[in-house]
Each structure stands twice: as C-alpha cells, then as structure tokens.
Amino acid sequence: MSMEGNVALVTGGSRGIGRAVCLELARLGASVAVNYAGGAQAAEETAELCRTLGVEAEAFQTDVAGPAACEALIQAVKERFGRLDILVNNAGVSRDSLLMTAKTEDFDKTLDTNLKGAYFCTKAAAKVMLRQKYGRIIFLSSVVGLRGNPGQTAYAASKAGILGLTKAAAKELAGRDITVNAVAPGYIETDMTAVLPDKAKEAMLGTIPKGRPGAPEDVARAVAFFAAPESAYITGQVLCVDGGMAV
C-alpha cells in the first residue's frame, strides 16, 4: 500500500490521534498538511516528524468552526502542494456534562467544531476532488456516536451526526471516484482521555472485550486503509476501532 504522490490534509493533526494519522500517511509516502487550531509548536513538531520520513509537510493554522476559514484552509493547502487527495476530518473538542446541567454554549462549540467543521472542510475539499475526479475523505466519529454515553450528550450528538454525513456524502460523490468513510474509535489513550477520572477509565475498560485501551496508531492504520488507492470500492462505511466495545 503506497500513497506516494498523494497530498493529505489532517485537521486537528498536532497531537494524539491526529498526529498518529499524519505520521502513518507520511510513512506510506503522502505529503501532509497538518492543521491545528492553537498548538503551533505541537503542529510544527508533527510536520517535522513527517519530514523525517522523507515527505513534504507543513502546518496550517485554522479553526475549522466556520465555512470561510475552511475554504481558506483548503485553498492554502492546494496552493502549497498543487492538489488535495486525502482529507481526514479529525479536529474535535469535548465539553462533557450531564444533560440537565449542560450549557448551550458548550453544545454549540462541540457541534461547531466536531460536526459543522467537518462538513465545511468536506464541502470545500470536494470542490477540489471533483475536478480531480479522485479523492479520499475520512471522518473520525466515535463509539460514543454509535452507543451514546452518560455525560456526553453534545459529543455523542456531534459524532452521530458524522455518521449520517458520511453516508450521504458517500452517495453524492461516488461517481467521481471519491470515497467517503468513517472510523469510530473506542477508548484510545490520548491527552483527551488521560484527564478522565480513574473510576471512569475503569468503567470503560469493563466494556471492552480486549480488556485494554487502544493506541492512536490503531486508529491511524484504519484511516490509512480508507485513504489508500486500493480502497476504491469501499465507501459509506463505518469501521469501529474499539477492541470490541461496540459489539
């Protein structure tokens, strides 16, 4: 499996799952645009790690929670690299709280970044990919979007929305050799999950048949599978990377 000559944009690529995806695509030969919202140093570290793998890489600062910003991001990547073959919609936030105490602004922020940001980036990228008659679009959903989780109503809503977006976009774009798929991670060890209380971690581990959390690299390999040229006949699918959690 080779992606030599391909250009990939990974939103939220500075750390965690995003960084692992950037490195996996770079390892397979793709040039990488590393998008970040605020962590400039971490994003540049990711880009430099990609360059050590022998590919071109550059960091691009954009908050994806608005259509104009997403249009500008896609245009900047195309101007820098000449094309865009792979879009990985990974940028996300989590503002967790119980339904009855949740703040409207936290709900809005979660959907603006996780769902609307992915929508805006996909819409802008699709314009480029339709002209190329080729593209791979991968969304990061979550097992929470499939099963729900107490205290994560906003996050679950945003990640469930990603599933519908994946399937609808897949049907619209399939005729131009553009595939659209989603990866739904379970409990993955990242900075985001590291701050969870021990009791919450233990509760999640009890629901995983594999009996352990996953690593960002597990998710990155699934993303790379969908991003590969060899996956041309797979679209509209959701692949859980969760150790059996959603079974």
Protein backbone atom coordinates (compact mmCIF):
# COMPACT_ATOMS: atom_id res chain seq x y z
CA MET A 1 0.00 0.00 0.00
CA SER A 2 1.59 3.25 -1.17
CA MET A 3 0.37 6.83 -1.18
CA GLU A 4 3.37 8.32 -2.93
CA GLY A 5 2.33 11.42 -4.85
CA ASN A 6 -0.80 11.94 -2.74
CA VAL A 7 -1.42 15.03 -0.63
CA ALA A 8 -3.27 14.63 2.68
CA LEU A 9 -4.82 17.22 4.96
CA VAL A 10 -5.41 16.14 8.56
CA THR A 11 -7.45 18.53 10.69
CA GLY A 12 -6.51 18.56 14.35
CA GLY A 13 -3.22 16.94 13.37
CA SER A 14 -0.93 18.35 16.03
CA ARG A 15 -1.23 15.59 18.64
CA GLY A 16 -2.94 12.38 19.69
CA ILE A 17 -4.86 10.52 17.00
CA GLY A 18 -4.29 13.36 14.53
CA ARG A 19 -0.51 13.17 14.87
CA ALA A 20 -0.57 9.38 14.52
CA VAL A 21 -2.61 9.71 11.33
CA CYS A 22 -0.19 12.27 9.91
CA LEU A 23 2.77 10.00 10.60
CA GLU A 24 1.08 6.90 9.18
CA LEU A 25 0.16 8.67 5.94
CA ALA A 26 3.67 10.11 5.71
CA ARG A 27 5.16 6.66 6.26
CA LEU A 28 3.15 5.49 3.26
CA GLY A 29 4.51 8.32 1.11
CA ALA A 30 1.87 11.07 1.26
CA SER A 31 2.75 14.73 1.65
CA VAL A 32 0.98 16.04 4.74
CA ALA A 33 -0.75 19.29 5.64
CA VAL A 34 -1.04 19.42 9.43
CA ASN A 35 -3.96 21.58 10.52
CA TYR A 36 -4.15 22.95 14.07
CA ALA A 37 -6.27 25.46 15.95
CA GLY A 38 -3.95 26.65 18.71
CA GLY A 39 -0.97 24.37 19.33
CA ALA A 40 1.57 25.82 16.90
CA GLN A 41 4.61 24.15 18.47
CA ALA A 42 2.99 20.71 18.57
CA ALA A 43 1.81 21.08 14.97
CA GLU A 44 5.29 22.01 13.79
CA GLU A 45 6.68 19.01 15.69
CA THR A 46 4.23 16.78 13.82
CA ALA A 47 5.23 18.32 10.49
CA GLU A 48 8.92 17.84 11.28
CA LEU A 49 8.34 14.20 12.22
CA CYS A 50 6.64 13.72 8.86
CA ARG A 51 9.56 15.35 7.05
CA THR A 52 11.97 12.94 8.72
CA LEU A 53 10.02 10.19 6.93
CA GLY A 54 11.02 11.70 3.58
CA VAL A 55 7.88 13.60 2.60
CA GLU A 56 6.86 17.25 2.38
CA ALA A 57 4.86 18.54 5.33
CA GLU A 58 3.64 21.89 6.55
CA ALA A 59 1.50 23.16 9.42
CA PHE A 60 -1.60 25.28 8.73
CA GLN A 61 -3.37 27.22 11.49
CA THR A 62 -7.17 27.31 11.16
CA ASP A 63 -10.13 27.00 13.49
CA VAL A 64 -12.41 24.83 11.37
CA ALA A 65 -15.62 26.00 13.07
CA GLY A 66 -16.53 28.36 10.21
CA PRO A 67 -17.10 27.98 6.46
CA ALA A 68 -14.84 30.84 5.32
CA ALA A 69 -11.91 29.52 7.39
CA CYS A 70 -12.35 26.04 5.97
CA GLU A 71 -12.49 27.35 2.39
CA ALA A 72 -9.29 29.30 3.04
CA LEU A 73 -7.59 26.26 4.55
CA ILE A 74 -8.37 24.03 1.58
CA GLN A 75 -7.23 26.74 -0.84
CA ALA A 76 -3.98 27.26 1.07
CA VAL A 77 -3.20 23.54 1.02
CA LYS A 78 -3.92 23.32 -2.71
CA GLU A 79 -1.72 26.33 -3.44
CA ARG A 80 1.12 24.86 -1.38
CA PHE A 81 1.01 21.29 -2.69
CA GLY A 82 -0.82 21.61 -6.02
CA ARG A 83 -3.62 19.17 -5.21
CA LEU A 84 -5.54 17.50 -2.40
CA ASP A 85 -6.16 13.75 -2.46
CA ILE A 86 -6.98 12.86 1.15
CA LEU A 87 -8.97 14.75 3.75
CA VAL A 88 -9.05 13.42 7.31
CA ASN A 89 -11.66 15.23 9.41
CA ASN A 90 -10.17 14.67 12.85
CA ALA A 91 -10.46 18.05 14.62
CA GLY A 92 -12.66 17.78 17.67
CA VAL A 93 -13.47 19.04 21.14
CA SER A 94 -15.33 17.56 24.08
CA ARG A 95 -17.31 19.68 26.55
CA ASP A 96 -18.76 16.96 28.75
CA SER A 97 -21.60 17.46 31.21
CA LEU A 98 -24.88 15.87 32.18
CA LEU A 99 -27.89 16.81 30.07
CA MET A 100 -29.63 18.77 32.82
CA THR A 101 -26.58 20.90 33.63
CA ALA A 102 -25.17 21.31 30.12
CA LYS A 103 -24.55 24.85 28.88
CA THR A 104 -25.90 25.87 25.49
CA GLU A 105 -22.58 27.42 24.53
CA ASP A 106 -20.77 24.13 25.20
CA PHE A 107 -23.26 22.27 23.00
CA ASP A 108 -22.79 24.84 20.23
CA LYS A 109 -18.98 24.74 20.46
CA THR A 110 -18.95 20.94 20.28
CA LEU A 111 -21.16 20.81 17.20
CA ASP A 112 -19.44 23.78 15.56
CA THR A 113 -16.06 22.04 15.67
CA ASN A 114 -16.86 18.33 15.51
CA LEU A 115 -19.74 18.29 13.03
CA LYS A 116 -20.01 21.61 11.24
CA GLY A 117 -16.24 21.93 10.90
CA ALA A 118 -16.07 18.51 9.26
CA TYR A 119 -18.97 19.47 6.99
CA PHE A 120 -17.37 22.75 5.91
CA CYS A 121 -13.98 21.14 5.24
CA THR A 122 -15.58 18.34 3.27
CA LYS A 123 -17.63 20.75 1.18
CA ALA A 124 -14.54 22.81 0.32
CA ALA A 125 -12.34 19.76 -0.34
CA ALA A 126 -14.98 18.12 -2.51
CA LYS A 127 -14.75 21.02 -4.97
CA VAL A 128 -11.07 20.23 -5.50
CA MET A 129 -11.57 16.47 -5.60
CA LEU A 130 -14.47 16.67 -8.07
CA ARG A 131 -12.22 18.50 -10.53
CA GLN A 132 -9.50 15.89 -9.98
CA LYS A 133 -12.06 13.06 -10.26
CA TYR A 134 -10.32 11.44 -7.31
CA GLY A 135 -10.39 11.75 -3.55
CA ARG A 136 -10.49 10.03 -0.20
CA ILE A 137 -12.46 11.61 2.66
CA ILE A 138 -12.31 10.04 6.11
CA PHE A 139 -14.24 11.21 9.15
CA LEU A 140 -13.36 10.48 12.76
CA SER A 141 -16.57 9.55 14.54
CA SER A 142 -16.66 7.65 17.84
CA VAL A 143 -18.14 4.61 19.51
CA VAL A 144 -19.99 7.22 21.59
CA GLY A 145 -21.80 8.29 18.42
CA LEU A 146 -22.99 4.71 17.98
CA ARG A 147 -23.85 3.83 21.57
CA GLY A 148 -24.18 7.08 23.49
CA ASN A 149 -22.54 7.74 26.83
CA PRO A 150 -23.82 9.42 30.01
CA GLY A 151 -22.45 12.93 30.40
CA GLN A 152 -21.57 13.25 26.72
CA THR A 153 -24.83 14.26 25.06
CA ALA A 154 -23.24 17.01 22.95
CA TYR A 155 -20.24 14.89 21.96
CA ALA A 156 -22.46 11.91 21.13
CA ALA A 157 -24.75 14.09 19.03
CA SER A 158 -21.82 15.51 17.07
CA LYS A 159 -20.28 12.09 16.42
CA ALA A 160 -23.63 10.53 15.49
CA GLY A 161 -24.12 13.37 13.03
CA ILE A 162 -20.80 12.45 11.43
CA LEU A 163 -22.21 9.01 10.58
CA GLY A 164 -25.12 10.48 8.64
CA LEU A 165 -22.83 12.97 6.93
CA THR A 166 -20.51 10.13 5.90
CA LYS A 167 -23.25 8.09 4.27
CA ALA A 168 -24.94 10.98 2.48
CA ALA A 169 -21.68 12.41 1.12
CA ALA A 170 -20.57 8.93 0.02
CA LYS A 171 -23.65 8.62 -2.18
CA GLU A 172 -23.20 12.08 -3.66
CA LEU A 173 -19.51 11.76 -4.52
CA ALA A 174 -19.07 8.11 -5.50
CA GLY A 175 -19.45 8.74 -9.23
CA ARG A 176 -16.24 10.78 -9.35
CA ASP A 177 -14.02 8.19 -7.64
CA ILE A 178 -14.30 9.98 -4.31
CA THR A 179 -14.87 7.66 -1.37
CA VAL A 180 -16.21 8.81 1.99
CA ASN A 181 -15.83 6.63 5.07
CA ALA A 182 -15.66 6.95 8.85
CA VAL A 183 -13.55 5.47 11.62
CA ALA A 184 -15.18 5.17 15.04
CA PRO A 185 -12.57 4.86 17.80
CA GLY A 186 -13.40 3.49 21.21
CA TYR A 187 -11.31 4.14 24.33
CA ILE A 188 -7.98 5.33 22.92
CA GLU A 189 -5.14 6.52 25.15
CA THR A 190 -4.67 10.21 24.28
CA ASP A 191 -4.32 13.54 26.10
CA MET A 192 -8.11 13.83 25.98
CA THR A 193 -8.72 10.53 27.77
CA ALA A 194 -5.78 10.94 30.17
CA VAL A 195 -7.71 13.54 32.16
CA LEU A 196 -10.65 11.22 32.83
CA PRO A 197 -11.15 10.10 36.45
CA ASP A 198 -9.80 6.65 37.26
CA LYS A 199 -13.32 5.42 38.00
CA ALA A 200 -14.47 6.43 34.51
CA LYS A 201 -11.47 4.69 32.92
CA GLU A 202 -12.15 1.51 34.86
CA ALA A 203 -15.81 1.59 33.82
CA MET A 204 -14.85 1.89 30.15
CA LEU A 205 -12.29 -0.90 30.37
CA GLY A 206 -15.02 -3.16 31.71
CA THR A 207 -16.94 -2.75 28.44
CA ILE A 208 -14.01 -3.67 26.17
CA PRO A 209 -13.69 -7.38 25.29
CA LYS A 210 -9.98 -6.87 24.54
CA GLY A 211 -9.58 -5.65 28.11
CA ARG A 212 -7.34 -2.69 27.31
CA PRO A 213 -7.48 0.72 25.67
CA GLY A 214 -6.29 1.25 22.13
CA ALA A 215 -3.41 3.38 20.87
CA PRO A 216 -3.59 6.28 18.39
CA GLU A 217 -1.65 4.15 15.94
CA ASP A 218 -4.50 1.61 15.88
CA VAL A 219 -6.83 4.33 14.62
CA ALA A 220 -4.24 5.69 12.20
CA ARG A 221 -3.90 2.34 10.44
CA ALA A 222 -7.68 2.19 9.92
CA VAL A 223 -7.64 5.71 8.46
CA ALA A 224 -4.80 4.75 6.14
CA PHE A 225 -6.80 1.74 4.92
CA PHE A 226 -9.65 4.01 3.80
CA ALA A 227 -7.20 6.58 2.39
CA ALA A 228 -5.41 4.08 0.15
CA PRO A 229 -5.98 3.87 -3.61
CA GLU A 230 -6.72 0.17 -3.10
CA SER A 231 -9.90 1.03 -1.16
CA ALA A 232 -11.62 2.45 -4.24
CA TYR A 233 -14.68 0.19 -3.97
CA ILE A 234 -15.35 0.90 -0.28
CA THR A 235 -17.50 3.91 0.55
CA GLY A 236 -20.11 4.94 3.09
CA GLN A 237 -18.72 2.56 5.70
CA VAL A 238 -18.03 2.92 9.41
CA LEU A 239 -15.12 0.97 10.88
CA CYS A 240 -15.02 0.64 14.68
CA VAL A 241 -11.57 0.57 16.22
CA ASP A 242 -12.61 -0.23 19.75
CA GLY A 243 -11.40 -3.64 20.90
CA GLY A 244 -14.95 -4.97 20.52
CA MET A 245 -16.57 -2.26 22.63
CA ALA A 246 -19.48 -1.63 20.24
CA VAL A 247 -20.22 -5.31 19.51
